[in-house]
Amino acid sequence: MNRRVIKTLAVTLAALLLGAAGWLMMRNRHGRPVKILASGEFHPVAHKGSGRAVIFQMAGQTRRLQLIGFKTGEGGDLQVCLVAAADCPENESVERAGFIALGPLRGAEGDQSFDVPIELDLHRYRAVTIWSRKYRVNFTTAPLKIPE
């Protein structure tokens, strides 16, 4: 094999191991996932966005939002929010519908997890948005679907 292929394989293996380690750390810290409550794929709004948002019911009556394979643009004062709308294709829909901030985005790339209030109605809050408080801009949104 040439060096380029070996390097690509090494980087891929490292990414898989880091993702698995992050998943295990989340499971150990917050209990074992019991079931998926909602999930969706990120789509671009003001910036490119990719990856998956999944809300898990965890053992011990807690909920966690997990961003998996997540990537978006760099920005200032980015928050992870649940929005009371089915989708948010622009900035105004976030502000008009109302949202709950779950916490600051820890980086523009990579797996991350956030506590979701147990009393939050997931039939009302149906989208995850990466929101810039500083510029009032919707970077990327993942409309959530609840499995049947």
Protein backbone atom coordinates (compact mmCIF):
# COMPACT_ATOMS: atom_id res chain seq x y z
CA MET A 1 0.00 0.00 0.00
CA ASN A 2 1.18 3.51 -0.62
CA ARG A 3 1.60 6.08 2.14
CA ARG A 4 -1.53 8.00 1.17
CA VAL A 5 -3.78 4.94 1.62
CA ILE A 6 -2.12 4.04 4.93
CA LYS A 7 -2.53 7.61 6.19
CA THR A 8 -6.22 7.66 5.15
CA LEU A 9 -6.82 4.33 6.89
CA ALA A 10 -5.04 5.54 10.05
CA VAL A 11 -7.08 8.77 10.17
CA THR A 12 -10.33 6.86 9.60
CA LEU A 13 -9.50 4.34 12.33
CA ALA A 14 -8.58 7.13 14.76
CA ALA A 15 -11.87 8.94 14.07
CA LEU A 16 -13.85 5.75 14.65
CA LEU A 17 -12.04 5.05 17.92
CA LEU A 18 -12.55 8.62 19.17
CA GLY A 19 -16.25 8.48 18.28
CA ALA A 20 -16.66 5.17 20.10
CA ALA A 21 -14.78 6.51 23.13
CA GLY A 22 -17.04 9.59 23.22
CA TRP A 23 -20.14 7.42 22.98
CA LEU A 24 -18.93 5.18 25.83
CA MET A 25 -18.10 8.20 27.98
CA MET A 26 -21.61 9.60 27.40
CA ARG A 27 -23.16 6.23 28.28
CA ASN A 28 -21.07 5.85 31.43
CA ARG A 29 -21.77 9.39 32.62
CA HIS A 30 -25.50 9.48 31.90
CA GLY A 31 -26.59 5.87 31.98
CA ARG A 32 -27.48 3.57 29.13
CA PRO A 33 -29.71 4.82 26.29
CA VAL A 34 -33.13 3.20 26.60
CA LYS A 35 -34.67 4.37 23.33
CA ILE A 36 -34.59 7.03 20.63
CA LEU A 37 -37.23 9.70 21.18
CA ALA A 38 -36.54 11.78 18.04
CA SER A 39 -33.90 12.18 15.35
CA GLY A 40 -33.10 14.14 12.20
CA GLU A 41 -30.41 15.23 9.74
CA PHE A 42 -28.89 18.72 9.69
CA HIS A 43 -29.39 20.81 6.56
CA PRO A 44 -27.75 24.14 5.68
CA VAL A 45 -29.41 27.45 6.49
CA ALA A 46 -26.97 30.41 6.74
CA HIS A 47 -24.01 27.99 6.80
CA LYS A 48 -23.40 24.44 5.68
CA GLY A 49 -24.45 21.86 8.22
CA SER A 50 -24.24 18.09 8.31
CA GLY A 51 -24.60 15.25 10.74
CA ARG A 52 -27.39 13.83 12.83
CA ALA A 53 -29.27 15.02 15.93
CA VAL A 54 -30.70 12.27 18.14
CA ILE A 55 -32.62 12.67 21.40
CA PHE A 56 -32.25 9.62 23.63
CA GLN A 57 -34.27 8.59 26.65
CA MET A 58 -31.56 7.52 29.07
CA ALA A 59 -31.76 5.17 32.02
CA GLY A 60 -32.56 7.16 35.15
CA GLN A 61 -35.28 9.37 33.60
CA THR A 62 -32.95 11.76 31.79
CA ARG A 63 -32.87 12.84 28.15
CA ARG A 64 -29.82 13.62 26.04
CA LEU A 65 -29.44 15.30 22.68
CA GLN A 66 -26.49 13.80 20.83
CA LEU A 67 -24.97 15.51 17.78
CA ILE A 68 -23.36 12.72 15.74
CA GLY A 69 -20.92 13.33 12.90
CA PHE A 70 -21.76 17.02 13.27
CA LYS A 71 -20.18 19.82 11.23
CA THR A 72 -21.04 23.48 10.55
CA GLY A 73 -19.31 26.82 9.98
CA GLU A 74 -17.35 28.68 12.64
CA GLY A 75 -19.19 31.48 14.40
CA GLY A 76 -19.49 33.58 17.50
CA ASP A 77 -21.64 32.72 20.50
CA LEU A 78 -23.26 29.62 18.98
CA GLN A 79 -26.00 27.90 20.97
CA VAL A 80 -27.67 24.52 20.53
CA CYS A 81 -31.41 25.12 20.65
CA LEU A 82 -34.65 23.16 20.42
CA VAL A 83 -37.18 25.16 18.40
CA ALA A 84 -40.97 25.01 18.62
CA ALA A 85 -41.32 24.43 14.86
CA ALA A 86 -41.18 21.53 12.41
CA ASP A 87 -38.23 23.10 10.56
CA CYS A 88 -36.38 26.42 10.48
CA PRO A 89 -35.34 27.29 6.92
CA GLU A 90 -34.34 30.87 7.84
CA ASN A 91 -33.57 33.12 10.84
CA GLU A 92 -37.07 34.51 11.38
CA SER A 93 -38.66 31.10 11.90
CA VAL A 94 -36.44 30.49 14.95
CA GLU A 95 -37.33 33.79 16.60
CA ARG A 96 -41.02 33.59 15.65
CA ALA A 97 -41.51 30.03 16.94
CA GLY A 98 -39.50 30.41 20.12
CA PHE A 99 -36.69 28.20 21.33
CA ILE A 100 -35.00 26.65 24.36
CA ALA A 101 -31.19 26.96 24.51
CA LEU A 102 -29.57 23.72 25.69
CA GLY A 103 -26.07 25.19 25.94
CA PRO A 104 -23.15 26.52 23.95
CA LEU A 105 -21.88 24.60 20.94
CA ARG A 106 -18.49 23.18 21.95
CA GLY A 107 -17.02 23.28 18.47
CA ALA A 108 -17.99 23.54 14.83
CA GLU A 109 -17.18 19.88 14.30
CA GLY A 110 -17.57 16.59 16.15
CA ASP A 111 -19.88 14.60 18.38
CA GLN A 112 -21.40 16.52 21.30
CA SER A 113 -24.17 15.91 23.82
CA PHE A 114 -26.55 18.12 25.80
CA ASP A 115 -29.11 17.59 28.54
CA VAL A 116 -32.73 17.96 27.44
CA PRO A 117 -35.27 18.96 30.12
CA ILE A 118 -37.49 15.95 30.90
CA GLU A 119 -40.64 18.12 30.91
CA LEU A 120 -39.99 19.52 27.41
CA ASP A 121 -42.74 18.52 24.94
CA LEU A 122 -40.98 16.94 21.94
CA HIS A 123 -44.20 17.11 19.93
CA ARG A 124 -43.91 20.91 20.17
CA TYR A 125 -40.11 21.35 20.01
CA ARG A 126 -39.43 19.52 16.74
CA ALA A 127 -36.17 21.00 15.42
CA VAL A 128 -32.59 21.38 16.62
CA THR A 129 -30.93 24.62 15.51
CA ILE A 130 -27.42 25.99 15.86
CA TRP A 131 -28.15 29.64 16.64
CA SER A 132 -25.79 32.61 16.85
CA ARG A 133 -27.05 34.83 19.67
CA LYS A 134 -24.54 37.50 18.73
CA TYR A 135 -25.72 37.86 15.11
CA ARG A 136 -29.23 36.34 15.45
CA VAL A 137 -28.44 33.86 12.68
CA ASN A 138 -29.59 30.27 12.18
CA PHE A 139 -26.50 28.36 11.06
CA THR A 140 -28.03 24.92 10.46
CA THR A 141 -31.16 23.00 11.48
CA ALA A 142 -32.14 19.35 11.95
CA PRO A 143 -35.91 18.76 11.74
CA LEU A 144 -36.76 15.97 14.19
CA LYS A 145 -38.99 12.99 13.56
CA ILE A 146 -40.45 10.91 16.36
CA PRO A 147 -40.32 7.18 15.61
CA GLU A 148 -43.63 5.34 15.63
